[in-house]
Structures are given as C-alpha cells and as structure tokens.
C-alpha cells in the first residue's frame, strides 16, 4: 500500500512538472521591462558645499560631465519660446532660472493667425489647421532656425554683420529649447548629470566627447507629458528589447502614488528613472538639438512637410531613431 501511494505521488509530481513545462512553452510571451545594464544610482549629496543652485558645480566622474551644471546646462544656448505680451511668464521663468543657476534667451512666440498662407508647408490647407497648431509649429521652427543659421552666418556673412544681426556671434553646437510653461526640480543640474551618464553609455561615447551628453545624438527629450519605451511601439513588436540606462533610487522621482505617465511605473522599483531611445513622447516642454538635429527638423517639419501637431510630428520623426541614422536620433529621460 505504501508503495502504491508512493507511485501515485511520483505520478502526480511528474504530471505537475509536464503541465508546468507545457504552460511555459505554449503561453503567450509578454515583455517584462526589467532593469537593464548599465545602471547606476543617483549621486550622493556632496559632503561640502551646495547640492543644487547657482553655486553647484557637479560631483560626477569623468569631470567633463559636470559641464551640465554651467550657465547653459551643458548646451551652447538655452532658448525659451513665449509670447511677448506674456510678461508674467517671462518674469517667472527668468527668476526661477537665475535661482537654479542657468541663463536663458527668449524667442518670441507666434500666434497662428499671424502665419501667412504662403508660409504654410506645401500641401497643407489652412482651413484644416487650427491657429494654435500653426502658432506652436511656427514658434518652434523659429527657435530651431536660430540654431541652424548660426554656423552659416559665421562662415559666409562675416563681412555683412547687419545681414545676420546677433546670429553672427553665435556658433551653436547644441541648444536647449523650452516652452514658457515649463518648470523643473531645484536639483535639475544633478538630474542632468545622471542623464548625461545615460546618454553617453547608450551612445558608447569615450571619456572626452565634444558634448557632456556624448557624441552622435540629434535630440534629447528632457521635458514631456509622457513617454513609452520604444519596444512598446507596434512596429517593434517582434524586435529585441532596447537597452536602457537605469537610474535607481532617484529621490527626485515622485513616489508611485504621485507619478503618472505612459510607463507602468508600478512594475518597477519605486524612484526609478530611465534614459532610453526615444519612443513616442507627448508634449515638447523641453528638448535639445544638435546642429545636425536642428537641420533635420527644419527640413522634415517645415521645408518638406508638416504631418501633425509639432510635438507629435517631432516624436514620429524619432521613431526607431536609435537604430536608423537617417531618422532623428533621439534619447529621452523618462520618469
């Protein structure tokens, strides 16, 4: 009887094992977004001196990453788009940027009704374009154009200063473009230190790249309403997971009960931030372009065509950009 019971137990165990193996092999596979290597934790507060604000000078290694704490956050210029009559927003942005420790320059926003018909991209019917759509697009194009013009003016028109005005003095390798309803954490510089480590790791940049954020990027999407991982896009359904730079235990990330977005934050450890290839961000609160990226944007979103609202068109232009150099090569900080 004991032998019969033992045989039944063995049979039951074997059956359970077969069922488990069958379930594993034949169940639909779902993508789990586990931490990716390389990963880091945010820097510990400096042992002496301020950890944020105008006097903060960074605490990263290699030392050239600390350029992100300078007066332009590691870019050549910072442009802010805003309507001239919204002096309230200009006052607030100027004050908060000075208290944080960086300088900004204003680019006048444009109202859609001020955009003439002939300035609308070819093939677009003004009757189908809301003025808010047109105004946002033209304002961003004006900011992007300032960056594109600078090198050309320096090279070709140095003897004709009035033709270029202030642009002749600019030589912008990169520019951060912000909207005037943007805000940020007071620890912005230390956040950008970890973002720079992430972009450098994903780009494979050496120890002394030209930019503290690494070499080879076109766009860095720093401020948005929400962003997904690129493998969540329908066209990437059967593609390998994209590498990510995981920033662990980042206390500048809101707790799980306060954070919202397009990522399932609750499936990851609390206070996690990522740097990854751009998927499909919403809102263009703050993004940086290299000169090459600005040229691509000016062509694709103005000279060639205009397919959607500016932020959607810019996000579409980045899709798969980490692998396809002919597309805008973008990287996003996501939290």
Protein backbone atom coordinates (compact mmCIF):
# COMPACT_ATOMS: atom_id res chain seq x y z
CA UNK A 1 0.00 0.00 0.00
CA UNK A 2 2.84 2.34 0.84
CA UNK A 3 4.46 1.52 -2.49
CA UNK A 4 1.20 2.26 -4.32
CA UNK A 5 0.90 5.63 -2.53
CA UNK A 6 4.49 6.47 -3.40
CA UNK A 7 3.89 5.61 -7.06
CA UNK A 8 0.83 7.88 -7.08
CA UNK A 9 2.87 10.75 -5.59
CA UNK A 10 5.59 10.29 -8.22
CA UNK A 11 2.97 10.20 -10.96
CA UNK A 12 1.28 13.32 -9.65
CA UNK A 13 4.62 15.15 -9.41
CA UNK A 14 5.52 14.12 -12.96
CA UNK A 15 2.14 15.27 -14.25
CA UNK A 16 2.54 18.62 -12.48
CA UNK A 17 6.00 19.05 -14.00
CA UNK A 18 4.70 18.32 -17.52
CA UNK A 19 1.83 20.79 -17.10
CA UNK A 20 4.21 23.49 -15.88
CA UNK A 21 6.62 22.96 -18.80
CA UNK A 22 3.72 22.98 -21.27
CA UNK A 23 2.40 26.24 -19.79
CA UNK A 24 5.81 27.91 -20.02
CA UNK A 25 6.41 26.78 -23.60
CA UNK A 26 2.97 27.48 -25.02
CA UNK A 27 1.74 30.51 -23.10
CA UNK A 28 1.88 33.84 -24.99
CA UNK A 29 5.09 35.68 -24.26
CA UNK A 30 4.76 39.15 -22.76
CA UNK A 31 7.56 41.63 -22.44
CA UNK A 32 8.70 42.31 -18.93
CA UNK A 33 10.55 45.59 -18.51
CA UNK A 34 13.28 44.53 -16.14
CA UNK A 35 16.26 46.69 -15.23
CA UNK A 36 18.87 46.88 -17.96
CA UNK A 37 22.61 47.18 -17.70
CA UNK A 38 24.30 49.56 -17.32
CA UNK A 39 22.55 51.00 -14.28
CA UNK A 40 23.57 53.46 -11.59
CA UNK A 41 22.23 55.17 -8.50
CA UNK A 42 21.92 58.90 -8.29
CA UNK A 43 24.97 60.68 -6.82
CA UNK A 44 25.05 61.07 -3.07
CA UNK A 45 24.87 64.69 -1.86
CA UNK A 46 28.21 66.44 -1.78
CA UNK A 47 29.92 66.32 1.58
CA UNK A 48 30.53 70.07 1.48
CA UNK A 49 29.06 72.95 -0.46
CA UNK A 50 25.59 73.25 -2.02
CA UNK A 51 23.98 70.27 -3.77
CA UNK A 52 21.90 72.48 -6.07
CA UNK A 53 21.50 76.11 -7.12
CA UNK A 54 23.75 78.68 -8.81
CA UNK A 55 26.85 77.59 -6.90
CA UNK A 56 26.50 73.87 -7.58
CA UNK A 57 29.37 72.61 -9.76
CA UNK A 58 28.69 68.89 -10.02
CA UNK A 59 30.16 65.80 -8.47
CA UNK A 60 30.49 63.40 -11.37
CA UNK A 61 33.34 61.46 -12.93
CA UNK A 62 34.72 61.93 -15.51
CA UNK A 63 34.86 65.62 -14.70
CA UNK A 64 33.64 66.84 -18.09
CA UNK A 65 30.15 65.55 -17.25
CA UNK A 66 29.99 68.42 -14.74
CA UNK A 67 29.71 70.84 -17.66
CA UNK A 68 25.96 70.21 -17.41
CA UNK A 69 25.98 72.44 -14.31
CA UNK A 70 27.22 75.51 -16.20
CA UNK A 71 25.12 78.55 -17.12
CA UNK A 72 23.68 76.82 -20.21
CA UNK A 73 23.28 73.31 -18.69
CA UNK A 74 25.98 71.89 -20.95
CA UNK A 75 24.44 73.22 -24.18
CA UNK A 76 25.55 76.19 -26.26
CA UNK A 77 22.36 78.16 -25.63
CA UNK A 78 19.01 77.85 -23.90
CA UNK A 79 16.06 79.31 -25.81
CA UNK A 80 12.62 79.81 -24.27
CA UNK A 81 9.58 80.29 -26.51
CA UNK A 82 6.89 82.66 -25.27
CA UNK A 83 4.50 85.32 -26.49
CA UNK A 84 5.99 88.81 -25.94
CA UNK A 85 2.89 90.06 -24.15
CA UNK A 86 3.06 87.29 -21.52
CA UNK A 87 5.44 89.26 -19.34
CA UNK A 88 4.17 87.33 -16.31
CA UNK A 89 5.64 84.10 -17.67
CA UNK A 90 8.86 85.84 -18.66
CA UNK A 91 9.28 87.27 -15.17
CA UNK A 92 8.67 83.87 -13.55
CA UNK A 93 10.97 81.93 -15.91
CA UNK A 94 13.76 84.49 -15.62
CA UNK A 95 13.59 84.42 -11.83
CA UNK A 96 13.48 80.63 -11.48
CA UNK A 97 16.29 80.06 -13.98
CA UNK A 98 18.53 82.55 -12.19
CA UNK A 99 17.83 80.92 -8.82
CA UNK A 100 18.56 77.50 -10.33
CA UNK A 101 21.77 78.72 -11.94
CA UNK A 102 21.37 79.00 -15.70
CA UNK A 103 20.79 81.68 -18.32
CA UNK A 104 18.10 81.74 -20.98
CA UNK A 105 17.26 83.75 -24.10
CA UNK A 106 13.76 84.45 -25.33
CA UNK A 107 12.35 83.57 -28.74
CA UNK A 108 9.09 85.38 -29.44
CA UNK A 109 6.14 83.05 -29.80
CA UNK A 110 3.91 83.39 -32.86
CA UNK A 111 0.13 83.41 -33.00
CA UNK A 112 -1.33 81.18 -35.66
CA UNK A 113 -3.33 83.93 -37.32
CA UNK A 114 -0.07 85.81 -37.96
CA UNK A 115 1.28 82.97 -40.15
CA UNK A 116 0.59 83.90 -43.81
CA UNK A 117 -0.82 81.31 -46.20
CA UNK A 118 2.38 81.21 -48.24
CA UNK A 119 4.40 80.25 -45.16
CA UNK A 120 2.39 77.08 -44.54
CA UNK A 121 4.19 73.90 -45.68
CA UNK A 122 3.33 72.70 -49.18
CA UNK A 123 0.24 70.55 -49.44
CA UNK A 124 -1.40 71.80 -46.25
CA UNK A 125 -4.79 73.53 -46.31
CA UNK A 126 -5.08 76.38 -43.83
CA UNK A 127 -8.77 75.60 -43.33
CA UNK A 128 -7.76 72.31 -41.69
CA UNK A 129 -5.11 73.79 -39.40
CA UNK A 130 -6.19 75.40 -36.09
CA UNK A 131 -4.37 78.60 -35.21
CA UNK A 132 -2.98 77.02 -32.04
CA UNK A 133 -1.46 74.28 -34.20
CA UNK A 134 0.12 76.78 -36.58
CA UNK A 135 1.37 79.11 -33.86
CA UNK A 136 3.12 76.36 -31.90
CA UNK A 137 4.73 74.94 -35.04
CA UNK A 138 5.99 78.32 -36.27
CA UNK A 139 7.32 79.31 -32.85
CA UNK A 140 9.38 76.14 -32.57
CA UNK A 141 10.62 76.45 -36.12
CA UNK A 142 11.86 79.98 -35.36
CA UNK A 143 13.82 78.66 -32.37
CA UNK A 144 15.27 75.80 -34.41
CA UNK A 145 16.16 78.16 -37.25
CA UNK A 146 18.25 80.33 -34.96
CA UNK A 147 20.46 77.35 -34.30
CA UNK A 148 20.75 76.35 -37.95
CA UNK A 149 21.59 79.89 -39.09
CA UNK A 150 24.48 80.48 -36.72
CA UNK A 151 27.19 78.45 -38.46
CA UNK A 152 26.18 79.69 -41.92
CA UNK A 153 26.31 83.32 -40.86
CA UNK A 154 29.72 82.89 -39.24
CA UNK A 155 31.13 81.22 -42.30
CA UNK A 156 29.61 83.15 -45.20
CA UNK A 157 28.50 86.54 -43.96
CA UNK A 158 31.18 87.74 -41.59
CA UNK A 159 31.67 90.84 -43.72
CA UNK A 160 27.98 91.67 -43.63
CA UNK A 161 27.14 91.78 -39.94
CA UNK A 162 23.77 93.57 -40.33
CA UNK A 163 22.52 90.73 -42.52
CA UNK A 164 22.77 88.29 -39.62
CA UNK A 165 22.44 90.59 -36.61
CA UNK A 166 23.11 88.79 -33.33
CA UNK A 167 23.20 85.42 -35.07
CA UNK A 168 26.66 86.18 -36.48
CA UNK A 169 28.07 85.97 -32.96
CA UNK A 170 26.57 82.56 -32.30
CA UNK A 171 28.17 79.21 -33.05
CA UNK A 172 25.77 76.70 -31.59
CA UNK A 173 26.82 73.08 -31.36
CA UNK A 174 23.59 72.41 -29.45
CA UNK A 175 20.65 74.27 -28.00
CA UNK A 176 18.02 73.50 -25.37
CA UNK A 177 14.58 74.74 -26.42
CA UNK A 178 11.94 75.22 -23.72
CA UNK A 179 8.34 76.42 -23.63
CA UNK A 180 7.42 79.17 -21.20
CA UNK A 181 5.09 76.95 -19.14
CA UNK A 182 7.95 74.63 -18.25
CA UNK A 183 9.09 74.08 -14.66
CA UNK A 184 11.72 71.88 -13.05
CA UNK A 185 13.11 70.44 -9.84
CA UNK A 186 15.59 72.62 -7.95
CA UNK A 187 18.02 69.69 -8.30
CA UNK A 188 17.95 69.99 -12.09
CA UNK A 189 21.74 70.02 -12.52
CA UNK A 190 22.29 66.80 -10.59
CA UNK A 191 19.45 65.21 -12.57
CA UNK A 192 21.19 66.19 -15.80
CA UNK A 193 24.44 64.67 -14.54
CA UNK A 194 22.78 61.25 -14.45
CA UNK A 195 21.02 61.87 -17.79
CA UNK A 196 24.41 62.70 -19.33
CA UNK A 197 25.88 59.48 -17.94
CA UNK A 198 22.97 57.62 -19.51
CA UNK A 199 23.22 59.13 -22.97
CA UNK A 200 26.99 58.65 -23.01
CA UNK A 201 26.59 54.99 -22.05
CA UNK A 202 23.93 54.32 -24.70
CA UNK A 203 25.90 56.16 -27.38
CA UNK A 204 29.15 54.44 -26.46
CA UNK A 205 30.91 57.79 -26.11
CA UNK A 206 34.51 57.89 -24.94
CA UNK A 207 35.79 59.69 -21.88
CA UNK A 208 36.17 63.04 -23.66
CA UNK A 209 33.22 63.57 -26.03
CA UNK A 210 32.57 67.01 -27.51
CA UNK A 211 29.33 67.32 -25.56
CA UNK A 212 28.94 66.34 -21.89
CA UNK A 213 25.92 64.34 -23.10
CA UNK A 214 28.06 62.33 -25.54
CA UNK A 215 28.50 62.40 -29.30
CA UNK A 216 26.17 61.20 -32.03
CA UNK A 217 22.76 62.28 -30.79
CA UNK A 218 20.38 64.57 -32.67
CA UNK A 219 17.78 65.20 -29.97
CA UNK A 220 17.48 64.84 -26.20
CA UNK A 221 13.86 64.89 -25.00
CA UNK A 222 14.17 66.17 -21.44
CA UNK A 223 10.68 67.53 -20.66
CA UNK A 224 7.45 65.81 -21.77
CA UNK A 225 3.96 64.77 -20.62
CA UNK A 226 4.60 61.06 -21.04
CA UNK A 227 6.77 58.60 -22.95
CA UNK A 228 6.78 54.88 -23.72
CA UNK A 229 9.67 52.50 -24.19
CA UNK A 230 10.47 52.06 -27.91
CA UNK A 231 9.73 48.31 -27.87
CA UNK A 232 6.12 49.16 -26.99
CA UNK A 233 5.61 50.68 -30.43
CA UNK A 234 3.59 48.44 -32.79
CA UNK A 235 6.35 48.34 -35.39
CA UNK A 236 8.79 46.98 -32.79
CA UNK A 237 6.56 44.18 -31.51
CA UNK A 238 8.91 41.36 -32.59
CA UNK A 239 12.14 43.28 -32.20
CA UNK A 240 14.64 42.77 -29.35
CA UNK A 241 14.24 44.92 -26.26
CA UNK A 242 16.11 48.20 -26.46
CA UNK A 243 18.93 48.78 -23.94
CA UNK A 244 18.19 51.28 -21.21
CA UNK A 245 20.22 53.18 -18.68
CA UNK A 246 18.52 52.70 -15.33
CA UNK A 247 18.90 55.31 -12.60
CA UNK A 248 17.96 53.65 -9.33
CA UNK A 249 16.74 55.17 -6.09
CA UNK A 250 16.40 58.66 -7.58
CA UNK A 251 14.68 60.73 -4.88
CA UNK A 252 13.79 63.41 -7.45
CA UNK A 253 11.30 60.92 -8.98
CA UNK A 254 7.81 61.19 -7.41
CA UNK A 255 6.58 58.24 -5.31
CA UNK A 256 4.42 55.66 -7.04
CA UNK A 257 1.16 57.10 -5.71
CA UNK A 258 2.02 60.51 -7.20
CA UNK A 259 3.58 59.68 -10.57
CA UNK A 260 1.67 59.32 -13.83
CA UNK A 261 2.78 58.60 -17.37
CA UNK A 262 2.75 56.07 -20.17
CA UNK A 263 5.11 53.59 -18.47
CA UNK A 264 3.73 51.12 -15.92
CA UNK A 265 5.79 52.56 -13.07
CA UNK A 266 4.29 50.15 -10.52
CA UNK A 267 6.00 47.21 -12.24
CA UNK A 268 9.39 48.71 -11.38
CA UNK A 269 11.10 49.67 -8.12
CA UNK A 270 9.98 53.00 -6.72
CA UNK A 271 12.05 56.09 -7.59
CA UNK A 272 13.37 54.68 -10.90
CA UNK A 273 14.33 56.90 -13.81
CA UNK A 274 15.43 55.74 -17.26
CA UNK A 275 17.38 57.10 -20.20
CA UNK A 276 16.46 55.30 -23.41
CA UNK A 277 15.97 55.59 -27.15
CA UNK A 278 13.01 57.88 -27.80
CA UNK A 279 9.73 56.06 -28.27
CA UNK A 280 6.74 58.37 -28.77
CA UNK A 281 6.78 61.30 -26.31
CA UNK A 282 3.89 63.70 -25.83
CA UNK A 283 4.46 67.46 -25.34
CA UNK A 284 7.55 69.45 -26.28
CA UNK A 285 8.16 71.19 -22.94
CA UNK A 286 11.96 70.90 -23.22
CA UNK A 287 14.19 69.26 -25.81
CA UNK A 288 17.74 69.77 -27.02
CA UNK A 289 19.02 69.61 -30.58
CA UNK A 290 22.48 69.41 -32.03
CA UNK A 291 23.14 71.48 -35.15
CA UNK A 292 22.70 68.38 -37.30
CA UNK A 293 19.46 67.57 -35.50
CA UNK A 294 18.20 71.12 -36.00
CA UNK A 295 18.88 70.88 -39.72
CA UNK A 296 16.95 67.62 -39.92
CA UNK A 297 14.00 69.09 -38.01
CA UNK A 298 13.88 72.24 -40.12
CA UNK A 299 13.75 70.17 -43.29
CA UNK A 300 11.40 67.44 -42.15
CA UNK A 301 8.89 69.56 -40.23
CA UNK A 302 8.83 72.68 -42.40
CA UNK A 303 10.57 72.66 -45.77
CA UNK A 304 9.43 69.16 -46.70
CA UNK A 305 6.08 68.73 -44.96
CA UNK A 306 4.07 69.06 -41.75
CA UNK A 307 2.12 65.94 -40.82
CA UNK A 308 0.86 66.60 -37.30
CA UNK A 309 0.99 68.87 -34.26
CA UNK A 310 4.58 69.87 -33.61
CA UNK A 311 5.22 67.55 -30.66
CA UNK A 312 3.60 64.57 -32.40
CA UNK A 313 5.50 65.26 -35.61
CA UNK A 314 8.78 65.53 -33.68
CA UNK A 315 8.07 62.29 -31.82
CA UNK A 316 7.22 60.47 -35.04
CA UNK A 317 10.46 61.70 -36.58
CA UNK A 318 12.36 59.99 -33.72
CA UNK A 319 10.72 56.57 -34.00
CA UNK A 320 13.47 53.97 -34.29
CA UNK A 321 15.99 56.78 -34.47
CA UNK A 322 18.39 54.92 -32.20
CA UNK A 323 18.96 52.33 -34.89
CA UNK A 324 18.33 54.26 -38.10
CA UNK A 325 20.65 57.21 -38.59
CA UNK A 326 18.54 58.71 -41.39
CA UNK A 327 15.82 59.36 -38.81
CA UNK A 328 16.22 61.77 -35.93
CA UNK A 329 18.41 60.02 -33.37
CA UNK A 330 16.67 60.83 -30.11
CA UNK A 331 17.05 59.87 -26.46
CA UNK A 332 14.60 60.51 -23.63
CA UNK A 333 14.82 60.81 -19.86
CA UNK A 334 11.74 59.13 -18.52
CA UNK A 335 10.28 59.27 -15.02
